[in-house]
Amino acid sequence: MRFTKFDTDIRTSTKRMFESIKTHPKTQSVVEGSKQVVTYCKENPDQVLLGVVALLIADQADDIEDISDATTASAIVDINEYYGS
């Protein structure tokens, strides 16, 4: 496979981008924070599961409200069509 100058430029800029990410001052703090999160999840799976379940229930509550609103709007449209308004 032959590489063009464009391909070489992309490869070079991609390498530079990844090197700048590796050497960025915030990278180390993000990596350490991520390790702490993983450690917490391993040590407290019940708390993590409780949080996930709470998020799922909150999301379902929003969906139920949306269904209720859609049902009300549908009923109003049906009544208007039935009475010919």
PDB file of N, CA and C in Angstrom:
ATOM      1  N   MET A   1       0.841  -1.171   0.000  1.00  0.00           N
ATOM      2  CA  MET A   1       0.000   0.000   0.000  1.00  0.00           C
ATOM      3  C   MET A   1       0.886   1.233   0.000  1.00  0.00           C
ATOM      4  N   ARG A   2       0.582   2.153  -0.854  1.00  0.00           N
ATOM      5  CA  ARG A   2       1.376   3.379  -0.943  1.00  0.00           C
ATOM      6  C   ARG A   2       0.714   4.483  -0.139  1.00  0.00           C
ATOM      7  N   PHE A   3       1.514   5.162   0.627  1.00  0.00           N
ATOM      8  CA  PHE A   3       1.019   6.292   1.396  1.00  0.00           C
ATOM      9  C   PHE A   3       1.287   7.579   0.642  1.00  0.00           C
ATOM     10  N   THR A   4       0.309   8.435   0.632  1.00  0.00           N
ATOM     11  CA  THR A   4       0.482   9.747   0.018  1.00  0.00           C
ATOM     12  C   THR A   4       0.948  10.726   1.090  1.00  0.00           C
ATOM     13  N   LYS A   5       1.251  11.927   0.672  1.00  0.00           N
ATOM     14  CA  LYS A   5       1.655  12.959   1.633  1.00  0.00           C
ATOM     15  C   LYS A   5       0.514  13.236   2.607  1.00  0.00           C
ATOM     16  N   PHE A   6      -0.712  13.201   2.104  1.00  0.00           N
ATOM     17  CA  PHE A   6      -1.876  13.425   2.962  1.00  0.00           C
ATOM     18  C   PHE A   6      -1.946  12.367   4.064  1.00  0.00           C
ATOM     19  N   ASP A   7      -1.747  11.100   3.707  1.00  0.00           N
ATOM     20  CA  ASP A   7      -1.755  10.014   4.693  1.00  0.00           C
ATOM     21  C   ASP A   7      -0.659  10.208   5.734  1.00  0.00           C
ATOM     22  N   THR A   8       0.502  10.588   5.281  1.00  0.00           N
ATOM     23  CA  THR A   8       1.625  10.814   6.193  1.00  0.00           C
ATOM     24  C   THR A   8       1.334  11.976   7.126  1.00  0.00           C
ATOM     25  N   ASP A   9       0.740  13.041   6.604  1.00  0.00           N
ATOM     26  CA  ASP A   9       0.394  14.189   7.439  1.00  0.00           C
ATOM     27  C   ASP A   9      -0.628  13.812   8.501  1.00  0.00           C
ATOM     28  N   ILE A  10      -1.604  13.020   8.131  1.00  0.00           N
ATOM     29  CA  ILE A  10      -2.623  12.584   9.092  1.00  0.00           C
ATOM     30  C   ILE A  10      -1.986  11.718  10.173  1.00  0.00           C
ATOM     31  N   ARG A  11      -1.142  10.788   9.775  1.00  0.00           N
ATOM     32  CA  ARG A  11      -0.473   9.930  10.752  1.00  0.00           C
ATOM     33  C   ARG A  11       0.377  10.756  11.703  1.00  0.00           C
ATOM     34  N   THR A  12       1.101  11.729  11.164  1.00  0.00           N
ATOM     35  CA  THR A  12       1.964  12.571  11.985  1.00  0.00           C
ATOM     36  C   THR A  12       1.140  13.413  12.956  1.00  0.00           C
ATOM     37  N   SER A  13       0.060  14.001  12.476  1.00  0.00           N
ATOM     38  CA  SER A  13      -0.755  14.839  13.359  1.00  0.00           C
ATOM     39  C   SER A  13      -1.468  14.002  14.419  1.00  0.00           C
ATOM     40  N   THR A  14      -1.860  12.783  14.057  1.00  0.00           N
ATOM     41  CA  THR A  14      -2.493  11.897  15.038  1.00  0.00           C
ATOM     42  C   THR A  14      -1.505  11.503  16.127  1.00  0.00           C
ATOM     43  N   LYS A  15      -0.278  11.187  15.738  1.00  0.00           N
ATOM     44  CA  LYS A  15       0.749  10.851  16.729  1.00  0.00           C
ATOM     45  C   LYS A  15       1.004  12.031  17.660  1.00  0.00           C
ATOM     46  N   ARG A  16       1.087  13.235  17.078  1.00  0.00           N
ATOM     47  CA  ARG A  16       1.303  14.430  17.906  1.00  0.00           C
ATOM     48  C   ARG A  16       0.147  14.642  18.872  1.00  0.00           C
ATOM     49  N   MET A  17      -1.079  14.413  18.392  1.00  0.00           N
ATOM     50  CA  MET A  17      -2.246  14.604  19.248  1.00  0.00           C
ATOM     51  C   MET A  17      -2.198  13.648  20.440  1.00  0.00           C
ATOM     52  N   PHE A  18      -1.911  12.353  20.182  1.00  0.00           N
ATOM     53  CA  PHE A  18      -1.856  11.392  21.277  1.00  0.00           C
ATOM     54  C   PHE A  18      -0.707  11.687  22.229  1.00  0.00           C
ATOM     55  N   GLU A  19       0.406  12.148  21.726  1.00  0.00           N
ATOM     56  CA  GLU A  19       1.527  12.518  22.592  1.00  0.00           C
ATOM     57  C   GLU A  19       1.157  13.710  23.471  1.00  0.00           C
ATOM     58  N   SER A  20       0.431  14.675  22.896  1.00  0.00           N
ATOM     59  CA  SER A  20       0.032  15.833  23.703  1.00  0.00           C
ATOM     60  C   SER A  20      -0.970  15.443  24.776  1.00  0.00           C
ATOM     61  N   ILE A  21      -1.814  14.465  24.475  1.00  0.00           N
ATOM     62  CA  ILE A  21      -2.763  13.982  25.492  1.00  0.00           C
ATOM     63  C   ILE A  21      -2.010  13.286  26.609  1.00  0.00           C
ATOM     64  N   LYS A  22      -1.029  12.459  26.254  1.00  0.00           N
ATOM     65  CA  LYS A  22      -0.261  11.738  27.271  1.00  0.00           C
ATOM     66  C   LYS A  22       0.502  12.679  28.186  1.00  0.00           C
ATOM     67  N   THR A  23       0.983  13.789  27.645  1.00  0.00           N
ATOM     68  CA  THR A  23       1.810  14.698  28.434  1.00  0.00           C
ATOM     69  C   THR A  23       1.017  15.854  29.028  1.00  0.00           C
ATOM     70  N   HIS A  24      -0.282  15.906  28.766  1.00  0.00           N
ATOM     71  CA  HIS A  24      -1.092  17.001  29.304  1.00  0.00           C
ATOM     72  C   HIS A  24      -1.142  16.907  30.824  1.00  0.00           C
ATOM     73  N   PRO A  25      -1.070  18.034  31.529  1.00  0.00           N
ATOM     74  CA  PRO A  25      -1.042  17.996  32.996  1.00  0.00           C
ATOM     75  C   PRO A  25      -2.285  17.368  33.628  1.00  0.00           C
ATOM     76  N   LYS A  26      -3.426  17.491  33.008  1.00  0.00           N
ATOM     77  CA  LYS A  26      -4.664  16.952  33.587  1.00  0.00           C
ATOM     78  C   LYS A  26      -4.796  15.441  33.391  1.00  0.00           C
ATOM     79  N   THR A  27      -4.042  14.874  32.470  1.00  0.00           N
ATOM     80  CA  THR A  27      -4.183  13.455  32.159  1.00  0.00           C
ATOM     81  C   THR A  27      -3.932  12.594  33.388  1.00  0.00           C
ATOM     82  N   GLN A  28      -2.887  12.898  34.129  1.00  0.00           N
ATOM     83  CA  GLN A  28      -2.559  12.081  35.307  1.00  0.00           C
ATOM     84  C   GLN A  28      -3.668  12.157  36.350  1.00  0.00           C
ATOM     85  N   SER A  29      -4.244  13.343  36.565  1.00  0.00           N
ATOM     86  CA  SER A  29      -5.310  13.457  37.564  1.00  0.00           C
ATOM     87  C   SER A  29      -6.567  12.717  37.113  1.00  0.00           C
ATOM     88  N   VAL A  30      -6.856  12.719  35.805  1.00  0.00           N
ATOM     89  CA  VAL A  30      -8.007  11.979  35.291  1.00  0.00           C
ATOM     90  C   VAL A  30      -7.790  10.482  35.450  1.00  0.00           C
ATOM     91  N   VAL A  31      -6.586  10.018  35.175  1.00  0.00           N
ATOM     92  CA  VAL A  31      -6.282   8.594  35.325  1.00  0.00           C
ATOM     93  C   VAL A  31      -6.411   8.182  36.787  1.00  0.00           C
ATOM     94  N   GLU A  32      -5.877   8.991  37.699  1.00  0.00           N
ATOM     95  CA  GLU A  32      -5.977   8.667  39.130  1.00  0.00           C
ATOM     96  C   GLU A  32      -7.427   8.682  39.588  1.00  0.00           C
ATOM     97  N   GLY A  33      -8.193   9.653  39.127  1.00  0.00           N
ATOM     98  CA  GLY A  33      -9.609   9.717  39.489  1.00  0.00           C
ATOM     99  C   GLY A  33     -10.373   8.516  38.972  1.00  0.00           C
ATOM    100  N   SER A  34     -10.060   8.095  37.769  1.00  0.00           N
ATOM    101  CA  SER A  34     -10.715   6.920  37.191  1.00  0.00           C
ATOM    102  C   SER A  34     -10.376   5.667  37.987  1.00  0.00           C
ATOM    103  N   LYS A  35      -9.134   5.554  38.416  1.00  0.00           N
ATOM    104  CA  LYS A  35      -8.741   4.397  39.237  1.00  0.00           C
ATOM    105  C   LYS A  35      -9.493   4.403  40.560  1.00  0.00           C
ATOM    106  N   GLN A  36      -9.685   5.584  41.147  1.00  0.00           N
ATOM    107  CA  GLN A  36     -10.436   5.676  42.397  1.00  0.00           C
ATOM    108  C   GLN A  36     -11.894   5.268  42.191  1.00  0.00           C
ATOM    109  N   VAL A  37     -12.473   5.662  41.066  1.00  0.00           N
ATOM    110  CA  VAL A  37     -13.857   5.286  40.767  1.00  0.00           C
ATOM    111  C   VAL A  37     -13.976   3.773  40.627  1.00  0.00           C
ATOM    112  N   VAL A  38     -13.055   3.164  39.908  1.00  0.00           N
ATOM    113  CA  VAL A  38     -13.087   1.711  39.719  1.00  0.00           C
ATOM    114  C   VAL A  38     -12.918   1.004  41.059  1.00  0.00           C
ATOM    115  N   THR A  39     -12.009   1.490  41.880  1.00  0.00           N
ATOM    116  CA  THR A  39     -11.801   0.891  43.206  1.00  0.00           C
ATOM    117  C   THR A  39     -13.060   1.004  44.053  1.00  0.00           C
ATOM    118  N   TYR A  40     -13.703   2.168  44.030  1.00  0.00           N
ATOM    119  CA  TYR A  40     -14.937   2.356  44.799  1.00  0.00           C
ATOM    120  C   TYR A  40     -16.023   1.397  44.315  1.00  0.00           C
ATOM    121  N   CYS A  41     -16.143   1.256  42.999  1.00  0.00           N
ATOM    122  CA  CYS A  41     -17.156   0.354  42.445  1.00  0.00           C
ATOM    123  C   CYS A  41     -16.892  -1.090  42.847  1.00  0.00           C
ATOM    124  N   LYS A  42     -15.621  -1.491  42.890  1.00  0.00           N
ATOM    125  CA  LYS A  42     -15.283  -2.855  43.303  1.00  0.00           C
ATOM    126  C   LYS A  42     -15.578  -3.080  44.781  1.00  0.00           C
ATOM    127  N   GLU A  43     -15.334  -2.063  45.603  1.00  0.00           N
ATOM    128  CA  GLU A  43     -15.518  -2.208  47.044  1.00  0.00           C
ATOM    129  C   GLU A  43     -16.971  -2.022  47.478  1.00  0.00           C
ATOM    130  N   ASN A  44     -17.772  -1.292  46.690  1.00  0.00           N
ATOM    131  CA  ASN A  44     -19.148  -0.988  47.075  1.00  0.00           C
ATOM    132  C   ASN A  44     -20.126  -1.278  45.934  1.00  0.00           C
ATOM    133  N   PRO A  45     -20.213  -2.522  45.498  1.00  0.00           N
ATOM    134  CA  PRO A  45     -21.112  -2.808  44.373  1.00  0.00           C
ATOM    135  C   PRO A  45     -22.580  -2.568  44.708  1.00  0.00           C
ATOM    136  N   ASP A  46     -22.938  -2.740  45.992  1.00  0.00           N
ATOM    137  CA  ASP A  46     -24.334  -2.509  46.374  1.00  0.00           C
ATOM    138  C   ASP A  46     -24.720  -1.037  46.215  1.00  0.00           C
ATOM    139  N   GLN A  47     -23.821  -0.130  46.560  1.00  0.00           N
ATOM    140  CA  GLN A  47     -24.104   1.299  46.405  1.00  0.00           C
ATOM    141  C   GLN A  47     -24.195   1.685  44.929  1.00  0.00           C
ATOM    142  N   VAL A  48     -23.321   1.112  44.130  1.00  0.00           N
ATOM    143  CA  VAL A  48     -23.337   1.396  42.690  1.00  0.00           C
ATOM    144  C   VAL A  48     -24.633   0.879  42.078  1.00  0.00           C
ATOM    145  N   LEU A  49     -25.023  -0.330  42.431  1.00  0.00           N
ATOM    146  CA  LEU A  49     -26.257  -0.904  41.917  1.00  0.00           C
ATOM    147  C   LEU A  49     -27.463  -0.081  42.350  1.00  0.00           C
ATOM    148  N   LEU A  50     -27.464   0.380  43.581  1.00  0.00           N
ATOM    149  CA  LEU A  50     -28.557   1.217  44.074  1.00  0.00           C
ATOM    150  C   LEU A  50     -28.656   2.510  43.264  1.00  0.00           C
ATOM    151  N   GLY A  51     -27.528   3.105  42.952  1.00  0.00           N
ATOM    152  CA  GLY A  51     -27.520   4.317  42.144  1.00  0.00           C
ATOM    153  C   GLY A  51     -28.034   4.079  40.735  1.00  0.00           C
ATOM    154  N   VAL A  52     -27.630   2.956  40.146  1.00  0.00           N
ATOM    155  CA  VAL A  52     -28.087   2.623  38.790  1.00  0.00           C
ATOM    156  C   VAL A  52     -29.595   2.387  38.795  1.00  0.00           C
ATOM    157  N   VAL A  53     -30.091   1.670  39.786  1.00  0.00           N
ATOM    158  CA  VAL A  53     -31.525   1.403  39.877  1.00  0.00           C
ATOM    159  C   VAL A  53     -32.292   2.712  40.065  1.00  0.00           C
ATOM    160  N   ALA A  54     -31.772   3.601  40.886  1.00  0.00           N
ATOM    161  CA  ALA A  54     -32.437   4.896  41.087  1.00  0.00           C
ATOM    162  C   ALA A  54     -32.518   5.683  39.781  1.00  0.00           C
ATOM    163  N   LEU A  55     -31.446   5.660  39.002  1.00  0.00           N
ATOM    164  CA  LEU A  55     -31.470   6.348  37.703  1.00  0.00           C
ATOM    165  C   LEU A  55     -32.485   5.717  36.758  1.00  0.00           C
ATOM    166  N   LEU A  56     -32.553   4.393  36.751  1.00  0.00           N
ATOM    167  CA  LEU A  56     -33.515   3.710  35.881  1.00  0.00           C
ATOM    168  C   LEU A  56     -34.952   4.031  36.276  1.00  0.00           C
ATOM    169  N   ILE A  57     -35.224   4.069  37.573  1.00  0.00           N
ATOM    170  CA  ILE A  57     -36.574   4.387  38.044  1.00  0.00           C
ATOM    171  C   ILE A  57     -36.934   5.826  37.693  1.00  0.00           C
ATOM    172  N   ALA A  58     -35.996   6.740  37.866  1.00  0.00           N
ATOM    173  CA  ALA A  58     -36.258   8.134  37.515  1.00  0.00           C
ATOM    174  C   ALA A  58     -36.539   8.274  36.027  1.00  0.00           C
ATOM    175  N   ASP A  59     -35.799   7.539  35.212  1.00  0.00           N
ATOM    176  CA  ASP A  59     -36.013   7.583  33.768  1.00  0.00           C
ATOM    177  C   ASP A  59     -37.371   7.010  33.412  1.00  0.00           C
ATOM    178  N   GLN A  60     -37.772   5.931  34.069  1.00  0.00           N
ATOM    179  CA  GLN A  60     -39.082   5.333  33.802  1.00  0.00           C
ATOM    180  C   GLN A  60     -40.202   6.263  34.235  1.00  0.00           C
ATOM    181  N   ALA A  61     -40.005   6.998  35.318  1.00  0.00           N
ATOM    182  CA  ALA A  61     -41.027   7.934  35.780  1.00  0.00           C
ATOM    183  C   ALA A  61     -41.274   9.000  34.717  1.00  0.00           C
ATOM    184  N   ASP A  62     -40.219   9.488  34.092  1.00  0.00           N
ATOM    185  CA  ASP A  62     -40.377  10.460  33.009  1.00  0.00           C
ATOM    186  C   ASP A  62     -41.123   9.850  31.828  1.00  0.00           C
ATOM    187  N   ASP A  63     -40.811   8.599  31.503  1.00  0.00           N
ATOM    188  CA  ASP A  63     -41.492   7.931  30.401  1.00  0.00           C
ATOM    189  C   ASP A  63     -42.974   7.750  30.698  1.00  0.00           C
ATOM    190  N   ILE A  64     -43.301   7.408  31.932  1.00  0.00           N
ATOM    191  CA  ILE A  64     -44.704   7.230  32.316  1.00  0.00           C
ATOM    192  C   ILE A  64     -45.450   8.555  32.209  1.00  0.00           C
ATOM    193  N   GLU A  65     -44.820   9.656  32.616  1.00  0.00           N
ATOM    194  CA  GLU A  65     -45.451  10.965  32.472  1.00  0.00           C
ATOM    195  C   GLU A  65     -45.662  11.311  31.004  1.00  0.00           C
ATOM    196  N   ASP A  66     -44.697  10.979  30.153  1.00  0.00           N
ATOM    197  CA  ASP A  66     -44.841  11.230  28.714  1.00  0.00           C
ATOM    198  C   ASP A  66     -45.993  10.420  28.135  1.00  0.00           C
ATOM    199  N   ILE A  67     -46.116   9.168  28.554  1.00  0.00           N
ATOM    200  CA  ILE A  67     -47.219   8.325  28.080  1.00  0.00           C
ATOM    201  C   ILE A  67     -48.551   8.904  28.536  1.00  0.00           C
ATOM    202  N   SER A  68     -48.614   9.360  29.767  1.00  0.00           N
ATOM    203  CA  SER A  68     -49.836   9.964  30.288  1.00  0.00           C
ATOM    204  C   SER A  68     -50.220  11.206  29.491  1.00  0.00           C
ATOM    205  N   ASP A  69     -49.242  12.059  29.210  1.00  0.00           N
ATOM    206  CA  ASP A  69     -49.517  13.260  28.422  1.00  0.00           C
ATOM    207  C   ASP A  69     -49.996  12.902  27.020  1.00  0.00           C
ATOM    208  N   ALA A  70     -49.358  11.912  26.403  1.00  0.00           N
ATOM    209  CA  ALA A  70     -49.744  11.502  25.057  1.00  0.00           C
ATOM    210  C   ALA A  70     -51.143  10.893  25.048  1.00  0.00           C
ATOM    211  N   THR A  71     -51.488  10.150  26.101  1.00  0.00           N
ATOM    212  CA  THR A  71     -52.810   9.544  26.194  1.00  0.00           C
ATOM    213  C   THR A  71     -53.874  10.624  26.339  1.00  0.00           C
ATOM    214  N   THR A  72     -53.615  11.622  27.147  1.00  0.00           N
ATOM    215  CA  THR A  72     -54.551  12.730  27.315  1.00  0.00           C
ATOM    216  C   THR A  72     -54.757  13.462  25.998  1.00  0.00           C
ATOM    217  N   ALA A  73     -53.677  13.766  25.304  1.00  0.00           N
ATOM    218  CA  ALA A  73     -53.786  14.455  24.015  1.00  0.00           C
ATOM    219  C   ALA A  73     -54.545  13.593  23.015  1.00  0.00           C
ATOM    220  N   SER A  74     -54.298  12.296  23.013  1.00  0.00           N
ATOM    221  CA  SER A  74     -54.997  11.391  22.098  1.00  0.00           C
ATOM    222  C   SER A  74     -56.490  11.352  22.407  1.00  0.00           C
ATOM    223  N   ALA A  75     -56.831  11.335  23.680  1.00  0.00           N
ATOM    224  CA  ALA A  75     -58.249  11.317  24.068  1.00  0.00           C
ATOM    225  C   ALA A  75     -58.950  12.593  23.621  1.00  0.00           C
ATOM    226  N   ILE A  76     -58.284  13.725  23.756  1.00  0.00           N
ATOM    227  CA  ILE A  76     -58.876  14.996  23.339  1.00  0.00           C
ATOM    228  C   ILE A  76     -59.101  15.001  21.829  1.00  0.00           C
ATOM    229  N   VAL A  77     -58.132  14.524  21.074  1.00  0.00           N
ATOM    230  CA  VAL A  77     -58.274  14.457  19.616  1.00  0.00           C
ATOM    231  C   VAL A  77     -59.408  13.512  19.235  1.00  0.00           C
ATOM    232  N   ASP A  78     -59.499  12.368  19.897  1.00  0.00           N
ATOM    233  CA  ASP A  78     -60.567  11.410  19.600  1.00  0.00           C
ATOM    234  C   ASP A  78     -61.946  12.010  19.869  1.00  0.00           C
ATOM    235  N   ILE A  79     -62.084  12.712  20.973  1.00  0.00           N
ATOM    236  CA  ILE A  79     -63.372  13.343  21.298  1.00  0.00           C
ATOM    237  C   ILE A  79     -63.731  14.395  20.257  1.00  0.00           C
ATOM    238  N   ASN A  80     -62.752  15.203  19.874  1.00  0.00           N
ATOM    239  CA  ASN A  80     -63.019  16.232  18.863  1.00  0.00           C
ATOM    240  C   ASN A  80     -63.417  15.593  17.525  1.00  0.00           C
ATOM    241  N   GLU A  81     -62.776  14.509  17.147  1.00  0.00           N
ATOM    242  CA  GLU A  81     -63.127  13.838  15.890  1.00  0.00           C
ATOM    243  C   GLU A  81     -64.490  13.178  15.984  1.00  0.00           C
ATOM    244  N   TYR A  82     -64.820  12.637  17.138  1.00  0.00           N
ATOM    245  CA  TYR A  82     -66.109  11.953  17.310  1.00  0.00           C
ATOM    246  C   TYR A  82     -67.278  12.938  17.207  1.00  0.00           C
ATOM    247  N   TYR A  83     -67.101  14.098  17.852  1.00  0.00           N
ATOM    248  CA  TYR A  83     -68.183  15.080  17.830  1.00  0.00           C
ATOM    249  C   TYR A  83     -68.105  16.008  16.620  1.00  0.00           C
ATOM    250  N   GLY A  84     -67.094  15.820  15.780  1.00  0.00           N
ATOM    251  CA  GLY A  84     -66.996  16.567  14.547  1.00  0.00           C
ATOM    252  C   GLY A  84     -66.613  18.031  14.714  1.00  0.00           C
ATOM    253  N   SER A  85     -65.911  18.357  15.760  1.00  0.00           N
ATOM    254  CA  SER A  85     -65.533  19.755  15.963  1.00  0.00           C
ATOM    255  C   SER A  85     -64.325  20.122  15.167  1.00  0.00           C
TER     256      SER A  85
END
